[in-house]
């Protein structure tokens, strides 16, 4: 088995120390950082998403794999920047104002990063102003909004309105998700997409930005 195949397996199994070790080892060879990213980390997270959708993996397994992927990504990032490898998209993600739940949001953020996106995570209790300012600052083309409460999901509409007022709405796609959120609610508030889970959110993100 090649080192890249071993790296992919290490991520799928959620073996963070091995992921770190193999990423360092491969970068010392002639394999390009982009190959490590695409054939190692991204391929692994794609497999994790597929297994989740088939009911072979559950949220705990996805989280463990995503954490292992982050260990590899931390080592890989400087090499990717040096080589000038561009992210496939730039996402500003956060849990909306008034809501402090972040497990689902964190998993979506890690899965997006594992798919090759650059992720700017605003954490929890993020205001409409914070989203607007960050989108403007980073030139993001995607916004991810999360809420776990029916009371706080109403703030998603305010964030979309804020992007509209700032003249940014046409430049970004907005995906929403969280336990009380539905596809119908996404349509009602003018969001572009709805992610029912982390794996689905990544697929929707790629579809919205026309990434194969």
N, C-alpha and C. Protein backbone atom coordinates (compact mmCIF):
# COMPACT_ATOMS: atom_id res chain seq x y z
N UNK A 1 0.84 -1.20 0.00
CA UNK A 1 0.00 0.00 0.00
C UNK A 1 0.88 1.25 0.00
N UNK A 2 0.54 2.21 -0.87
CA UNK A 2 1.34 3.44 -0.95
C UNK A 2 1.10 4.32 0.29
N UNK A 3 2.03 5.25 0.50
CA UNK A 3 1.89 6.15 1.63
C UNK A 3 0.60 6.97 1.55
N UNK A 4 0.21 7.39 0.33
CA UNK A 4 -1.02 8.17 0.14
C UNK A 4 -2.24 7.34 0.53
N UNK A 5 -2.24 6.06 0.13
CA UNK A 5 -3.35 5.16 0.48
C UNK A 5 -3.41 4.95 1.99
N UNK A 6 -2.23 4.84 2.60
CA UNK A 6 -2.17 4.68 4.06
C UNK A 6 -2.68 5.94 4.77
N UNK A 7 -2.36 7.11 4.19
CA UNK A 7 -2.83 8.37 4.75
C UNK A 7 -4.36 8.43 4.68
N UNK A 8 -4.89 8.08 3.53
CA UNK A 8 -6.35 8.07 3.36
C UNK A 8 -7.00 7.16 4.41
N UNK A 9 -6.45 5.98 4.59
CA UNK A 9 -6.99 5.02 5.56
C UNK A 9 -6.89 5.56 6.99
N UNK A 10 -5.78 6.22 7.28
CA UNK A 10 -5.57 6.76 8.63
C UNK A 10 -6.64 7.81 8.96
N UNK A 11 -6.96 8.65 7.97
CA UNK A 11 -8.00 9.68 8.17
C UNK A 11 -9.36 9.01 8.36
N UNK A 12 -9.68 8.05 7.49
CA UNK A 12 -10.98 7.36 7.59
C UNK A 12 -11.14 6.71 8.96
N UNK A 13 -10.06 6.11 9.45
CA UNK A 13 -10.11 5.45 10.77
C UNK A 13 -10.04 6.45 11.92
N UNK A 14 -9.73 7.72 11.60
CA UNK A 14 -9.64 8.73 12.65
C UNK A 14 -8.37 8.63 13.48
N UNK A 15 -7.31 8.10 12.87
CA UNK A 15 -6.04 7.96 13.59
C UNK A 15 -5.21 9.24 13.38
N UNK A 16 -5.40 10.20 14.29
CA UNK A 16 -4.74 11.51 14.16
C UNK A 16 -3.22 11.44 14.19
N UNK A 17 -2.60 10.71 15.15
CA UNK A 17 -1.13 10.66 15.17
C UNK A 17 -0.54 10.09 13.87
N UNK A 18 -1.19 9.03 13.34
CA UNK A 18 -0.69 8.43 12.09
C UNK A 18 -0.90 9.38 10.91
N UNK A 19 -2.02 10.09 10.91
CA UNK A 19 -2.30 11.06 9.84
C UNK A 19 -1.20 12.12 9.81
N UNK A 20 -0.87 12.62 10.98
CA UNK A 20 0.17 13.65 11.12
C UNK A 20 1.52 13.13 10.62
N UNK A 21 1.86 11.96 11.10
CA UNK A 21 3.15 11.34 10.77
C UNK A 21 3.28 11.07 9.26
N UNK A 22 2.21 10.52 8.67
CA UNK A 22 2.25 10.20 7.24
C UNK A 22 2.29 11.46 6.38
N UNK A 23 1.55 12.50 6.78
CA UNK A 23 1.56 13.76 6.01
C UNK A 23 2.97 14.34 5.99
N UNK A 24 3.62 14.34 7.16
CA UNK A 24 5.01 14.85 7.25
C UNK A 24 5.94 14.01 6.37
N UNK A 25 5.77 12.70 6.45
CA UNK A 25 6.63 11.77 5.70
C UNK A 25 6.47 11.98 4.19
N UNK A 26 5.21 12.07 3.73
CA UNK A 26 4.95 12.21 2.29
C UNK A 26 5.48 13.55 1.76
N UNK A 27 5.35 14.61 2.57
CA UNK A 27 5.83 15.92 2.13
C UNK A 27 7.35 15.96 1.95
N UNK A 28 8.04 15.03 2.56
CA UNK A 28 9.50 14.97 2.41
C UNK A 28 9.91 14.23 1.13
N UNK A 29 8.93 13.65 0.45
CA UNK A 29 9.21 12.95 -0.81
C UNK A 29 8.90 13.90 -1.97
N UNK A 30 8.86 13.37 -3.18
CA UNK A 30 8.61 14.22 -4.35
C UNK A 30 7.12 14.38 -4.66
N UNK A 31 6.27 13.82 -3.81
CA UNK A 31 4.82 13.93 -4.04
C UNK A 31 4.40 15.38 -3.76
N UNK A 32 3.60 15.97 -4.67
CA UNK A 32 3.21 17.38 -4.50
C UNK A 32 2.18 17.53 -3.39
N UNK A 33 2.20 18.68 -2.69
CA UNK A 33 1.22 18.94 -1.64
C UNK A 33 -0.22 18.83 -2.16
N UNK A 34 -0.44 19.23 -3.41
CA UNK A 34 -1.79 19.16 -4.00
C UNK A 34 -2.27 17.71 -4.12
N UNK A 35 -1.34 16.82 -4.46
CA UNK A 35 -1.67 15.39 -4.56
C UNK A 35 -2.02 14.83 -3.19
N UNK A 36 -1.24 15.25 -2.19
CA UNK A 36 -1.51 14.80 -0.81
C UNK A 36 -2.91 15.25 -0.38
N UNK A 37 -3.23 16.49 -0.73
CA UNK A 37 -4.54 17.05 -0.38
C UNK A 37 -5.66 16.28 -1.07
N UNK A 38 -5.55 16.17 -2.40
CA UNK A 38 -6.66 15.58 -3.18
C UNK A 38 -6.78 14.06 -3.00
N UNK A 39 -5.66 13.36 -3.11
CA UNK A 39 -5.73 11.89 -3.07
C UNK A 39 -5.68 11.32 -1.65
N UNK A 40 -5.20 12.14 -0.70
CA UNK A 40 -5.14 11.69 0.68
C UNK A 40 -6.32 12.22 1.49
N UNK A 41 -6.27 13.51 1.84
CA UNK A 41 -7.26 14.09 2.76
C UNK A 41 -8.66 14.24 2.16
N UNK A 42 -8.74 14.85 0.96
CA UNK A 42 -10.07 15.05 0.37
C UNK A 42 -10.72 13.70 0.02
N UNK A 43 -9.94 12.80 -0.54
CA UNK A 43 -10.48 11.46 -0.90
C UNK A 43 -10.98 10.74 0.35
N UNK A 44 -10.25 10.91 1.45
CA UNK A 44 -10.66 10.26 2.71
C UNK A 44 -11.98 10.82 3.22
N UNK A 45 -12.11 12.15 3.22
CA UNK A 45 -13.34 12.76 3.73
C UNK A 45 -14.53 12.49 2.81
N UNK A 46 -14.25 12.32 1.53
CA UNK A 46 -15.31 11.94 0.57
C UNK A 46 -15.84 10.55 0.95
N UNK A 47 -14.91 9.66 1.25
CA UNK A 47 -15.26 8.29 1.66
C UNK A 47 -16.04 8.30 2.98
N UNK A 48 -15.61 9.15 3.90
CA UNK A 48 -16.30 9.27 5.20
C UNK A 48 -17.74 9.73 4.98
N UNK A 49 -17.90 10.74 4.11
CA UNK A 49 -19.24 11.24 3.79
C UNK A 49 -20.11 10.16 3.15
N UNK A 50 -19.52 9.38 2.24
CA UNK A 50 -20.26 8.29 1.58
C UNK A 50 -20.71 7.24 2.60
N UNK A 51 -19.80 6.90 3.52
CA UNK A 51 -20.13 5.89 4.53
C UNK A 51 -21.23 6.39 5.47
N UNK A 52 -21.19 7.69 5.76
CA UNK A 52 -22.22 8.28 6.61
C UNK A 52 -23.59 8.17 5.92
N UNK A 53 -23.61 8.50 4.64
CA UNK A 53 -24.88 8.46 3.90
C UNK A 53 -25.41 7.04 3.74
N UNK A 54 -24.51 6.06 3.76
CA UNK A 54 -24.94 4.65 3.66
C UNK A 54 -25.33 4.07 5.03
N UNK A 55 -25.13 4.87 6.09
CA UNK A 55 -25.46 4.39 7.43
C UNK A 55 -24.38 3.52 8.05
N UNK A 56 -23.16 3.55 7.43
CA UNK A 56 -22.04 2.76 7.97
C UNK A 56 -21.26 3.57 9.01
N UNK A 57 -21.31 4.89 8.89
CA UNK A 57 -20.67 5.80 9.85
C UNK A 57 -21.75 6.67 10.47
N UNK A 58 -21.49 7.11 11.71
CA UNK A 58 -22.40 8.02 12.40
C UNK A 58 -21.63 9.27 12.80
N UNK A 59 -22.30 10.23 13.43
CA UNK A 59 -21.64 11.51 13.76
C UNK A 59 -20.33 11.32 14.54
N UNK A 60 -20.26 10.45 15.57
CA UNK A 60 -18.97 10.31 16.29
C UNK A 60 -17.81 9.91 15.38
N UNK A 61 -18.08 8.95 14.46
CA UNK A 61 -17.02 8.51 13.53
C UNK A 61 -16.61 9.65 12.60
N UNK A 62 -17.60 10.40 12.13
CA UNK A 62 -17.29 11.54 11.25
C UNK A 62 -16.42 12.57 11.96
N UNK A 63 -16.76 12.84 13.23
CA UNK A 63 -15.99 13.82 14.01
C UNK A 63 -14.55 13.37 14.21
N UNK A 64 -14.37 12.09 14.51
CA UNK A 64 -13.02 11.55 14.74
C UNK A 64 -12.20 11.63 13.45
N UNK A 65 -12.81 11.27 12.32
CA UNK A 65 -12.12 11.36 11.02
C UNK A 65 -11.78 12.81 10.69
N UNK A 66 -12.74 13.71 10.93
CA UNK A 66 -12.53 15.12 10.62
C UNK A 66 -11.41 15.71 11.46
N UNK A 67 -11.31 15.29 12.71
CA UNK A 67 -10.22 15.79 13.57
C UNK A 67 -8.86 15.29 13.09
N UNK A 68 -8.84 14.05 12.62
CA UNK A 68 -7.59 13.50 12.07
C UNK A 68 -7.20 14.28 10.81
N UNK A 69 -8.21 14.57 9.97
CA UNK A 69 -7.97 15.34 8.75
C UNK A 69 -7.38 16.71 9.08
N UNK A 70 -7.89 17.34 10.14
CA UNK A 70 -7.39 18.67 10.53
C UNK A 70 -5.92 18.62 10.94
N UNK A 71 -5.51 17.53 11.56
CA UNK A 71 -4.10 17.36 11.95
C UNK A 71 -3.22 17.34 10.69
N UNK A 72 -3.69 16.60 9.68
CA UNK A 72 -2.94 16.54 8.43
C UNK A 72 -2.95 17.88 7.71
N UNK A 73 -4.11 18.54 7.74
CA UNK A 73 -4.26 19.83 7.06
C UNK A 73 -3.35 20.90 7.67
N UNK A 74 -3.18 20.86 8.98
CA UNK A 74 -2.33 21.85 9.67
C UNK A 74 -0.89 21.76 9.16
N UNK A 75 -0.44 20.54 8.87
CA UNK A 75 0.92 20.34 8.35
C UNK A 75 1.00 20.69 6.87
N UNK A 76 -0.08 20.37 6.16
CA UNK A 76 -0.11 20.54 4.71
C UNK A 76 -0.28 22.00 4.26
N UNK A 77 -1.01 22.78 5.06
CA UNK A 77 -1.37 24.16 4.66
C UNK A 77 -0.17 25.01 4.22
N UNK A 78 0.90 25.09 5.00
CA UNK A 78 2.04 25.93 4.57
C UNK A 78 2.61 25.50 3.21
N UNK A 79 2.65 24.18 2.99
CA UNK A 79 3.17 23.66 1.72
C UNK A 79 2.24 24.01 0.56
N UNK A 80 0.92 23.98 0.82
CA UNK A 80 -0.06 24.33 -0.22
C UNK A 80 0.05 25.81 -0.58
N UNK A 81 0.20 26.65 0.45
CA UNK A 81 0.33 28.09 0.23
C UNK A 81 1.58 28.41 -0.58
N UNK A 82 2.67 27.72 -0.22
CA UNK A 82 3.95 27.91 -0.90
C UNK A 82 3.84 27.54 -2.38
N UNK A 83 3.04 26.49 -2.64
CA UNK A 83 2.89 26.01 -4.01
C UNK A 83 1.83 26.82 -4.77
N UNK A 84 1.09 27.66 -4.03
CA UNK A 84 0.06 28.49 -4.66
C UNK A 84 -1.22 27.74 -4.99
N UNK A 85 -1.50 26.66 -4.25
CA UNK A 85 -2.72 25.89 -4.49
C UNK A 85 -3.91 26.65 -3.91
N UNK A 86 -4.91 26.90 -4.75
CA UNK A 86 -6.08 27.67 -4.33
C UNK A 86 -7.16 26.77 -3.74
N UNK A 87 -7.86 27.29 -2.73
CA UNK A 87 -9.01 26.58 -2.18
C UNK A 87 -10.12 26.58 -3.23
N UNK A 88 -11.03 25.60 -3.17
CA UNK A 88 -12.09 25.54 -4.19
C UNK A 88 -13.20 26.56 -3.91
N UNK A 89 -13.18 27.14 -2.72
CA UNK A 89 -14.17 28.16 -2.36
C UNK A 89 -13.84 28.70 -0.99
N UNK A 90 -14.43 29.84 -0.65
CA UNK A 90 -14.16 30.46 0.65
C UNK A 90 -15.48 30.60 1.41
N UNK A 91 -15.55 29.95 2.57
CA UNK A 91 -16.79 29.89 3.34
C UNK A 91 -16.69 30.64 4.66
N UNK A 92 -17.68 31.48 4.94
CA UNK A 92 -17.82 32.06 6.28
C UNK A 92 -18.95 31.29 6.95
N UNK A 93 -18.65 30.65 8.08
CA UNK A 93 -19.64 29.81 8.74
C UNK A 93 -19.77 30.22 10.21
N UNK A 94 -20.96 30.06 10.76
CA UNK A 94 -21.13 30.38 12.17
C UNK A 94 -22.52 29.98 12.66
N UNK A 95 -22.64 29.88 13.99
CA UNK A 95 -23.94 29.69 14.63
C UNK A 95 -24.51 31.09 14.87
N UNK A 96 -25.76 31.28 14.54
CA UNK A 96 -26.35 32.63 14.55
C UNK A 96 -26.48 33.23 15.94
N UNK A 97 -26.69 34.54 15.97
CA UNK A 97 -26.80 35.31 17.22
C UNK A 97 -27.83 34.69 18.16
N UNK A 98 -27.43 34.60 19.44
CA UNK A 98 -28.33 34.06 20.46
C UNK A 98 -28.22 32.56 20.66
N UNK A 99 -27.49 31.89 19.78
CA UNK A 99 -27.38 30.43 19.84
C UNK A 99 -25.94 30.01 20.12
N UNK A 100 -25.77 29.16 21.11
CA UNK A 100 -24.41 28.76 21.53
C UNK A 100 -24.07 27.31 21.17
N UNK A 101 -24.92 26.67 20.36
CA UNK A 101 -24.66 25.28 19.97
C UNK A 101 -23.67 25.24 18.81
N UNK A 102 -22.68 24.35 18.91
CA UNK A 102 -21.69 24.36 17.83
C UNK A 102 -21.21 23.00 17.33
N UNK A 103 -21.72 21.89 17.86
CA UNK A 103 -21.20 20.59 17.42
C UNK A 103 -21.49 20.37 15.93
N UNK A 104 -22.74 20.59 15.52
CA UNK A 104 -23.10 20.42 14.11
C UNK A 104 -22.33 21.37 13.21
N UNK A 105 -22.25 22.62 13.64
CA UNK A 105 -21.53 23.64 12.85
C UNK A 105 -20.06 23.28 12.72
N UNK A 106 -19.46 22.81 13.81
CA UNK A 106 -18.04 22.42 13.78
C UNK A 106 -17.80 21.28 12.80
N UNK A 107 -18.73 20.33 12.79
CA UNK A 107 -18.58 19.18 11.90
C UNK A 107 -18.70 19.61 10.43
N UNK A 108 -19.67 20.48 10.16
CA UNK A 108 -19.83 21.00 8.78
C UNK A 108 -18.56 21.75 8.36
N UNK A 109 -18.03 22.58 9.27
CA UNK A 109 -16.81 23.35 8.97
C UNK A 109 -15.65 22.42 8.64
N UNK A 110 -15.48 21.36 9.44
CA UNK A 110 -14.38 20.42 9.21
C UNK A 110 -14.58 19.64 7.91
N UNK A 111 -15.82 19.26 7.63
CA UNK A 111 -16.09 18.52 6.39
C UNK A 111 -15.86 19.42 5.16
N UNK A 112 -16.22 20.70 5.27
CA UNK A 112 -15.97 21.64 4.17
C UNK A 112 -14.47 21.81 3.95
N UNK A 113 -13.74 21.93 5.05
CA UNK A 113 -12.28 22.06 4.94
C UNK A 113 -11.70 20.79 4.31
N UNK A 114 -12.24 19.66 4.72
CA UNK A 114 -11.78 18.38 4.18
C UNK A 114 -12.12 18.21 2.71
N UNK A 115 -13.07 19.01 2.22
CA UNK A 115 -13.45 18.94 0.79
C UNK A 115 -12.64 19.94 -0.04
N UNK A 116 -11.78 20.73 0.62
CA UNK A 116 -10.93 21.66 -0.12
C UNK A 116 -11.33 23.12 -0.03
N UNK A 117 -12.31 23.45 0.82
CA UNK A 117 -12.71 24.84 1.01
C UNK A 117 -11.83 25.53 2.04
N UNK A 118 -11.67 26.84 1.91
CA UNK A 118 -11.07 27.63 2.98
C UNK A 118 -12.22 28.05 3.89
N UNK A 119 -12.10 27.78 5.18
CA UNK A 119 -13.21 28.03 6.10
C UNK A 119 -12.85 29.11 7.12
N UNK A 120 -13.70 30.13 7.20
CA UNK A 120 -13.55 31.16 8.25
C UNK A 120 -14.70 30.94 9.22
N UNK A 121 -14.37 30.43 10.41
CA UNK A 121 -15.39 30.03 11.38
C UNK A 121 -15.60 31.15 12.40
N UNK A 122 -16.83 31.68 12.45
CA UNK A 122 -17.15 32.77 13.39
C UNK A 122 -17.58 32.26 14.76
N UNK A 123 -17.60 30.95 14.92
CA UNK A 123 -17.99 30.39 16.22
C UNK A 123 -19.49 30.49 16.45
N UNK A 124 -19.87 30.77 17.70
CA UNK A 124 -21.29 30.83 18.06
C UNK A 124 -21.72 32.28 18.30
N UNK A 125 -23.03 32.48 18.41
CA UNK A 125 -23.59 33.80 18.74
C UNK A 125 -23.08 34.89 17.79
N UNK A 126 -23.02 34.56 16.50
CA UNK A 126 -22.45 35.49 15.51
C UNK A 126 -23.55 36.42 14.96
N UNK A 127 -23.30 37.71 15.04
CA UNK A 127 -24.29 38.71 14.64
C UNK A 127 -24.33 38.89 13.12
N UNK A 128 -25.44 39.45 12.60
CA UNK A 128 -25.51 39.75 11.17
C UNK A 128 -24.35 40.64 10.72
N UNK A 129 -23.99 41.62 11.56
CA UNK A 129 -22.89 42.55 11.23
C UNK A 129 -21.57 41.80 11.08
N UNK A 130 -21.37 40.82 11.96
CA UNK A 130 -20.13 40.03 11.93
C UNK A 130 -20.03 39.23 10.62
N UNK A 131 -21.14 38.63 10.22
CA UNK A 131 -21.16 37.89 8.95
C UNK A 131 -20.85 38.82 7.77
N UNK A 132 -21.56 39.95 7.73
CA UNK A 132 -21.38 40.90 6.62
C UNK A 132 -19.94 41.39 6.54
N UNK A 133 -19.41 41.78 7.68
CA UNK A 133 -18.04 42.31 7.75
C UNK A 133 -17.02 41.26 7.29
N UNK A 134 -17.21 40.00 7.73
CA UNK A 134 -16.25 38.94 7.41
C UNK A 134 -16.32 38.55 5.93
N UNK A 135 -17.54 38.50 5.39
CA UNK A 135 -17.70 38.19 3.96
C UNK A 135 -16.98 39.24 3.12
N UNK A 136 -17.16 40.50 3.50
CA UNK A 136 -16.55 41.62 2.78
C UNK A 136 -15.02 41.55 2.88
N UNK A 137 -14.55 41.32 4.10
CA UNK A 137 -13.11 41.28 4.40
C UNK A 137 -12.39 40.18 3.64
N UNK A 138 -12.99 39.00 3.58
CA UNK A 138 -12.32 37.83 3.00
C UNK A 138 -12.74 37.53 1.56
N UNK A 139 -13.74 38.26 1.05
CA UNK A 139 -14.20 37.98 -0.31
C UNK A 139 -14.77 36.59 -0.43
N UNK A 140 -15.52 36.17 0.59
CA UNK A 140 -16.09 34.81 0.60
C UNK A 140 -17.16 34.66 -0.48
N UNK A 141 -17.33 33.42 -0.97
CA UNK A 141 -18.39 33.19 -1.95
C UNK A 141 -19.47 32.25 -1.42
N UNK A 142 -19.34 31.88 -0.13
CA UNK A 142 -20.34 31.01 0.49
C UNK A 142 -20.50 31.37 1.96
N UNK A 143 -21.73 31.32 2.45
CA UNK A 143 -22.02 31.57 3.87
C UNK A 143 -22.80 30.38 4.41
N UNK A 144 -22.38 29.88 5.57
CA UNK A 144 -23.07 28.76 6.21
C UNK A 144 -23.64 29.21 7.54
N UNK A 145 -24.95 29.07 7.72
CA UNK A 145 -25.62 29.51 8.95
C UNK A 145 -26.19 28.31 9.69
N UNK A 146 -25.92 28.24 11.00
CA UNK A 146 -26.42 27.13 11.81
C UNK A 146 -27.23 27.64 13.00
N UNK A 147 -28.28 26.90 13.35
CA UNK A 147 -29.07 27.22 14.54
C UNK A 147 -29.69 25.93 15.06
N UNK A 148 -29.77 25.81 16.38
CA UNK A 148 -30.37 24.61 16.96
C UNK A 148 -31.71 24.91 17.64
N UNK A 149 -32.05 26.19 17.74
CA UNK A 149 -33.29 26.58 18.42
C UNK A 149 -34.26 27.24 17.45
N UNK A 150 -35.55 27.02 17.64
CA UNK A 150 -36.55 27.65 16.77
C UNK A 150 -36.54 29.16 16.97
N UNK A 151 -36.16 29.60 18.17
CA UNK A 151 -36.13 31.05 18.44
C UNK A 151 -34.95 31.72 17.73
N UNK A 152 -33.82 31.05 17.67
CA UNK A 152 -32.63 31.67 17.06
C UNK A 152 -32.59 31.51 15.54
N UNK A 153 -33.28 30.50 15.02
CA UNK A 153 -33.22 30.31 13.55
C UNK A 153 -33.83 31.50 12.82
N UNK A 154 -34.65 32.29 13.51
CA UNK A 154 -35.24 33.50 12.91
C UNK A 154 -34.15 34.51 12.55
N UNK A 155 -33.00 34.43 13.25
CA UNK A 155 -31.90 35.37 12.99
C UNK A 155 -31.19 35.10 11.66
N UNK A 156 -31.46 33.92 11.09
CA UNK A 156 -30.87 33.61 9.78
C UNK A 156 -31.36 34.61 8.73
N UNK A 157 -32.65 34.97 8.84
CA UNK A 157 -33.25 35.92 7.90
C UNK A 157 -32.56 37.29 8.00
N UNK A 158 -32.22 37.70 9.25
CA UNK A 158 -31.55 38.99 9.47
C UNK A 158 -30.17 39.01 8.82
N UNK A 159 -29.48 37.87 8.86
CA UNK A 159 -28.14 37.78 8.26
C UNK A 159 -28.23 37.93 6.74
N UNK A 160 -29.21 37.26 6.14
CA UNK A 160 -29.41 37.37 4.69
C UNK A 160 -29.77 38.81 4.32
N UNK A 161 -30.62 39.44 5.16
CA UNK A 161 -31.01 40.85 4.92
C UNK A 161 -29.79 41.76 5.03
N UNK A 162 -28.91 41.47 5.99
CA UNK A 162 -27.68 42.27 6.17
C UNK A 162 -26.76 42.18 4.97
N UNK A 163 -26.64 40.98 4.40
CA UNK A 163 -25.81 40.78 3.20
C UNK A 163 -26.42 41.55 2.02
N UNK A 164 -27.74 41.54 1.96
CA UNK A 164 -28.47 42.26 0.90
C UNK A 164 -28.20 43.76 1.00
N UNK A 165 -28.36 44.30 2.22
CA UNK A 165 -28.16 45.74 2.45
C UNK A 165 -26.76 46.20 2.11
N UNK A 166 -25.79 45.31 2.36
CA UNK A 166 -24.38 45.66 2.11
C UNK A 166 -24.00 45.46 0.64
N UNK A 167 -24.96 45.01 -0.18
CA UNK A 167 -24.67 44.80 -1.60
C UNK A 167 -23.84 43.55 -1.87
N UNK A 168 -23.88 42.60 -0.92
CA UNK A 168 -23.06 41.39 -1.04
C UNK A 168 -23.86 40.15 -1.44
N UNK A 169 -25.18 40.26 -1.38
CA UNK A 169 -26.01 39.06 -1.56
C UNK A 169 -25.78 38.36 -2.90
N UNK A 170 -25.56 39.16 -3.94
CA UNK A 170 -25.36 38.56 -5.27
C UNK A 170 -24.01 37.85 -5.38
N UNK A 171 -23.11 38.15 -4.46
CA UNK A 171 -21.75 37.59 -4.54
C UNK A 171 -21.59 36.30 -3.74
N UNK A 172 -22.57 36.02 -2.87
CA UNK A 172 -22.43 34.83 -2.02
C UNK A 172 -23.66 33.92 -2.09
N UNK A 173 -23.40 32.62 -1.94
CA UNK A 173 -24.48 31.65 -1.80
C UNK A 173 -24.63 31.38 -0.30
N UNK A 174 -25.86 31.22 0.14
CA UNK A 174 -26.13 31.00 1.57
C UNK A 174 -26.75 29.63 1.79
N UNK A 175 -26.12 28.84 2.67
CA UNK A 175 -26.65 27.53 3.06
C UNK A 175 -27.02 27.59 4.53
N UNK A 176 -28.17 27.02 4.89
CA UNK A 176 -28.55 26.99 6.30
C UNK A 176 -28.76 25.55 6.75
N UNK A 177 -28.66 25.34 8.07
CA UNK A 177 -28.86 24.00 8.62
C UNK A 177 -29.01 24.04 10.13
N UNK A 178 -29.36 22.89 10.70
CA UNK A 178 -29.58 22.80 12.15
C UNK A 178 -30.86 22.03 12.40
N UNK A 179 -31.01 21.52 13.61
CA UNK A 179 -32.14 20.63 13.94
C UNK A 179 -33.52 21.15 13.54
N UNK A 180 -33.89 22.42 13.85
CA UNK A 180 -35.25 22.85 13.52
C UNK A 180 -35.42 23.35 12.09
N UNK A 181 -34.30 23.45 11.36
CA UNK A 181 -34.32 24.06 10.02
C UNK A 181 -34.79 23.05 8.97
N UNK A 182 -35.53 23.55 7.98
CA UNK A 182 -36.04 22.69 6.91
C UNK A 182 -35.74 23.33 5.55
N UNK A 183 -35.93 22.54 4.51
CA UNK A 183 -35.77 23.03 3.15
C UNK A 183 -36.79 24.15 2.87
N UNK A 184 -38.00 23.95 3.39
CA UNK A 184 -39.07 24.95 3.18
C UNK A 184 -38.69 26.28 3.82
N UNK A 185 -38.07 26.20 5.02
CA UNK A 185 -37.66 27.44 5.71
C UNK A 185 -36.54 28.14 4.92
N UNK A 186 -35.64 27.34 4.35
CA UNK A 186 -34.55 27.90 3.53
C UNK A 186 -35.14 28.71 2.37
N UNK A 187 -36.15 28.14 1.71
CA UNK A 187 -36.80 28.84 0.60
C UNK A 187 -37.51 30.10 1.10
N UNK A 188 -38.18 29.97 2.24
CA UNK A 188 -38.96 31.08 2.81
C UNK A 188 -38.10 32.32 3.09
N UNK A 189 -36.88 32.11 3.60
CA UNK A 189 -36.04 33.26 3.96
C UNK A 189 -35.07 33.67 2.84
N UNK A 190 -35.15 32.97 1.72
CA UNK A 190 -34.30 33.35 0.58
C UNK A 190 -32.89 32.80 0.61
N UNK A 191 -32.68 31.69 1.36
CA UNK A 191 -31.37 31.03 1.34
C UNK A 191 -31.25 30.25 0.03
N UNK A 192 -30.02 29.93 -0.36
CA UNK A 192 -29.80 29.22 -1.62
C UNK A 192 -29.83 27.71 -1.46
N UNK A 193 -29.58 27.24 -0.23
CA UNK A 193 -29.54 25.81 -0.02
C UNK A 193 -29.74 25.43 1.43
N UNK A 194 -30.00 24.14 1.63
CA UNK A 194 -30.25 23.59 2.97
C UNK A 194 -29.42 22.31 3.12
N UNK A 195 -28.68 22.22 4.23
CA UNK A 195 -27.89 21.02 4.49
C UNK A 195 -28.50 20.24 5.63
N UNK A 196 -29.02 19.05 5.34
CA UNK A 196 -29.67 18.28 6.41
C UNK A 196 -28.65 17.62 7.35
N UNK A 197 -27.42 17.47 6.87
CA UNK A 197 -26.33 16.98 7.71
C UNK A 197 -25.02 17.45 7.09
N UNK A 198 -23.91 17.17 7.75
CA UNK A 198 -22.62 17.69 7.30
C UNK A 198 -22.24 17.21 5.90
N UNK A 199 -22.45 15.94 5.63
CA UNK A 199 -22.10 15.38 4.33
C UNK A 199 -22.94 16.01 3.22
N UNK A 200 -24.22 16.16 3.50
CA UNK A 200 -25.14 16.77 2.54
C UNK A 200 -24.78 18.24 2.31
N UNK A 201 -24.40 18.94 3.38
CA UNK A 201 -24.03 20.37 3.28
C UNK A 201 -22.86 20.56 2.32
N UNK A 202 -21.88 19.67 2.37
CA UNK A 202 -20.72 19.76 1.47
C UNK A 202 -21.16 19.58 0.02
N UNK A 203 -22.05 18.61 -0.18
CA UNK A 203 -22.54 18.36 -1.55
C UNK A 203 -23.31 19.57 -2.09
N UNK A 204 -24.16 20.16 -1.24
CA UNK A 204 -24.93 21.35 -1.64
C UNK A 204 -24.00 22.51 -1.94
N UNK A 205 -22.97 22.69 -1.09
CA UNK A 205 -22.00 23.77 -1.29
C UNK A 205 -21.33 23.66 -2.65
N UNK A 206 -20.92 22.45 -2.99
CA UNK A 206 -20.25 22.23 -4.29
C UNK A 206 -21.22 22.47 -5.45
N UNK A 207 -22.46 22.04 -5.28
CA UNK A 207 -23.46 22.24 -6.35
C UNK A 207 -23.70 23.74 -6.56
N UNK A 208 -23.85 24.48 -5.46
CA UNK A 208 -24.13 25.92 -5.57
C UNK A 208 -23.00 26.69 -6.25
N UNK A 209 -21.77 26.22 -6.03
CA UNK A 209 -20.63 26.91 -6.64
C UNK A 209 -20.17 26.22 -7.93
N UNK A 210 -21.00 25.26 -8.38
CA UNK A 210 -20.71 24.53 -9.63
C UNK A 210 -19.33 23.89 -9.62
N UNK A 211 -19.01 23.22 -8.47
CA UNK A 211 -17.74 22.50 -8.35
C UNK A 211 -18.03 21.02 -8.48
N UNK A 212 -17.30 20.37 -9.38
CA UNK A 212 -17.56 18.93 -9.57
C UNK A 212 -16.89 18.11 -8.48
